[in-house]
Protein backbone atom coordinates (compact mmCIF):
# COMPACT_ATOMS: atom_id res chain seq x y z
CA MET A 1 -8.04 -43.76 14.37
CA ARG A 2 -8.62 -47.43 13.88
CA GLU A 3 -10.96 -49.09 15.38
CA PHE A 4 -9.20 -53.16 17.33
CA THR A 5 -11.73 -55.96 19.56
CA VAL A 6 -10.04 -58.27 22.29
CA TYR A 7 -10.67 -61.83 22.89
CA SER A 8 -9.57 -64.60 25.05
CA ARG A 9 -8.37 -67.97 24.22
CA ASN A 10 -11.93 -69.26 23.60
CA GLY A 11 -13.20 -67.00 21.19
CA ALA A 12 -15.24 -65.10 24.24
CA ILE A 13 -14.74 -61.08 23.50
CA LEU A 14 -13.81 -58.89 26.24
CA ARG A 15 -13.72 -55.62 24.96
CA THR A 16 -14.94 -54.13 21.74
CA GLY A 17 -13.54 -50.36 20.08
CA VAL A 18 -10.71 -50.12 21.43
CA SER A 19 -9.10 -47.15 19.03
CA CYS A 20 -6.22 -46.61 18.68
CA GLN A 21 -3.35 -44.87 15.65
CA ASP A 22 -1.62 -47.96 15.17
CA ILE A 23 -1.27 -51.72 15.40
CA SER A 24 -0.27 -52.28 18.08
CA ILE A 25 -2.40 -52.21 21.30
CA GLN A 26 -1.97 -54.19 24.85
CA ALA A 27 -3.75 -56.91 25.25
CA SER A 28 -2.52 -58.75 29.37
CA GLU A 29 -1.35 -62.50 28.67
CA GLY A 30 -4.11 -65.04 26.61
CA GLU A 31 -6.07 -62.66 25.35
CA PHE A 32 -5.65 -61.35 21.72
CA VAL A 33 -6.52 -58.82 19.26
CA ILE A 34 -8.19 -58.19 15.36
CA GLU A 35 -8.85 -54.73 14.19
CA GLY A 36 -12.57 -54.24 13.65
CA SER A 37 -15.48 -53.51 16.14
CA TYR A 38 -18.00 -56.12 17.64
CA PRO A 39 -20.32 -56.40 20.18
CA PRO A 40 -19.51 -59.12 22.60
CA GLY A 41 -23.43 -60.00 22.47
CA GLU A 42 -23.57 -60.86 18.39
CA TYR A 43 -19.98 -62.13 17.84
CA TRP A 44 -17.45 -64.49 18.72
CA VAL A 45 -14.19 -65.51 17.78
CA SER A 46 -13.05 -68.12 15.64
CA GLY A 47 -10.24 -68.78 13.55
CA GLY A 48 -8.39 -64.50 14.07
CA GLN A 49 -12.25 -64.00 12.38
CA ALA A 50 -15.43 -62.73 14.18
CA VAL A 51 -18.56 -64.87 14.28
CA LYS A 52 -22.09 -63.84 14.54
CA ARG A 53 -22.71 -65.37 17.84
CA LYS A 54 -25.53 -69.12 16.76
CA ASP A 55 -29.35 -68.91 18.00
CA PHE A 56 -31.08 -71.57 18.84
CA SER A 57 -34.36 -72.33 21.08
CA LEU A 58 -34.94 -73.85 25.15
CA GLU A 59 -36.58 -77.15 23.29
CA ALA A 60 -32.89 -77.65 21.07
CA LEU A 61 -30.42 -76.41 23.72
CA PRO A 62 -26.73 -76.38 22.46
CA LEU A 63 -24.88 -78.77 24.66
CA PRO A 64 -23.38 -79.01 26.59
CA CYS A 65 -24.63 -76.58 28.13
CA THR A 66 -25.42 -74.38 31.39
CA ILE A 67 -28.18 -73.28 32.67
CA TRP A 68 -29.52 -71.38 36.28
CA ILE A 69 -33.21 -71.08 37.65
CA GLU A 70 -33.71 -69.50 40.42
CA GLY A 71 -30.28 -69.00 41.50
CA GLN A 72 -29.23 -72.84 40.80
CA GLU A 73 -26.62 -73.55 37.85
CA TYR A 74 -27.25 -76.58 36.50
CA ARG A 75 -24.76 -78.04 33.86
CA CYS A 76 -26.45 -80.00 30.86
CA HIS A 77 -24.81 -83.06 28.31
CA GLU A 78 -28.03 -83.08 26.87
CA GLN A 79 -31.21 -82.06 26.13
CA PRO A 80 -33.27 -81.76 29.60
CA GLU A 81 -37.16 -81.71 30.97
CA PHE A 82 -37.83 -79.23 32.92
CA VAL A 83 -40.69 -80.02 36.10
CA PHE A 84 -41.20 -77.68 38.74
CA ASP A 85 -42.73 -77.76 42.17
CA ALA A 86 -45.11 -75.37 41.67
CA PRO A 87 -46.89 -74.07 38.47
CA GLY A 88 -46.14 -70.93 37.69
CA THR A 89 -43.46 -68.43 35.24
CA TYR A 90 -39.54 -69.50 35.62
CA GLU A 91 -36.92 -67.60 33.37
CA ILE A 92 -33.82 -69.90 32.67
CA TYR A 93 -31.11 -68.37 31.49
CA VAL A 94 -28.76 -70.57 29.46
CA ASP A 95 -25.01 -70.45 28.29
CA ALA A 96 -23.90 -72.26 25.96
CA GLY A 97 -20.59 -70.74 25.24
CA PRO A 98 -18.92 -68.08 22.42
CA GLN A 99 -20.49 -69.40 19.91
CA TYR A 100 -23.87 -69.32 21.12
CA LEU A 101 -26.31 -66.63 22.09
CA GLU A 102 -26.34 -64.85 25.37
CA LYS A 103 -30.11 -66.54 25.97
CA VAL A 104 -33.15 -65.61 29.48
CA PHE A 105 -36.26 -68.04 28.36
CA ARG A 106 -39.77 -67.34 29.99
CA TYR A 107 -40.73 -70.68 30.98
CA ASP A 108 -44.42 -71.48 31.48
CA TYR A 109 -45.10 -74.00 33.64
CA GLN A 110 -48.57 -75.89 34.23
CA PRO A 111 -49.18 -79.54 34.90
């Protein structure tokens, strides 16, 4: 039994560990298949090859990216400065596309 990974046009892994005995597995329109099992949280597909997703820090976000703070979505095209109405610890979720890890940061704001 061989394992396969299904991914989208932008390289995001949709399903992994799909097992079958031959290479003729079914993928929906706009989906593609590579051999092997690659966890979506760790890999993406570029040029038909599974590649490790890149890490980053809150101080150096990959741009452009989307961040969510308390359910509010923000598109970032330049490095943001985080300023809040009240002191506290905030969770900042960052998605910069399939080539980067999806991360959640805890940001302690004490002006």
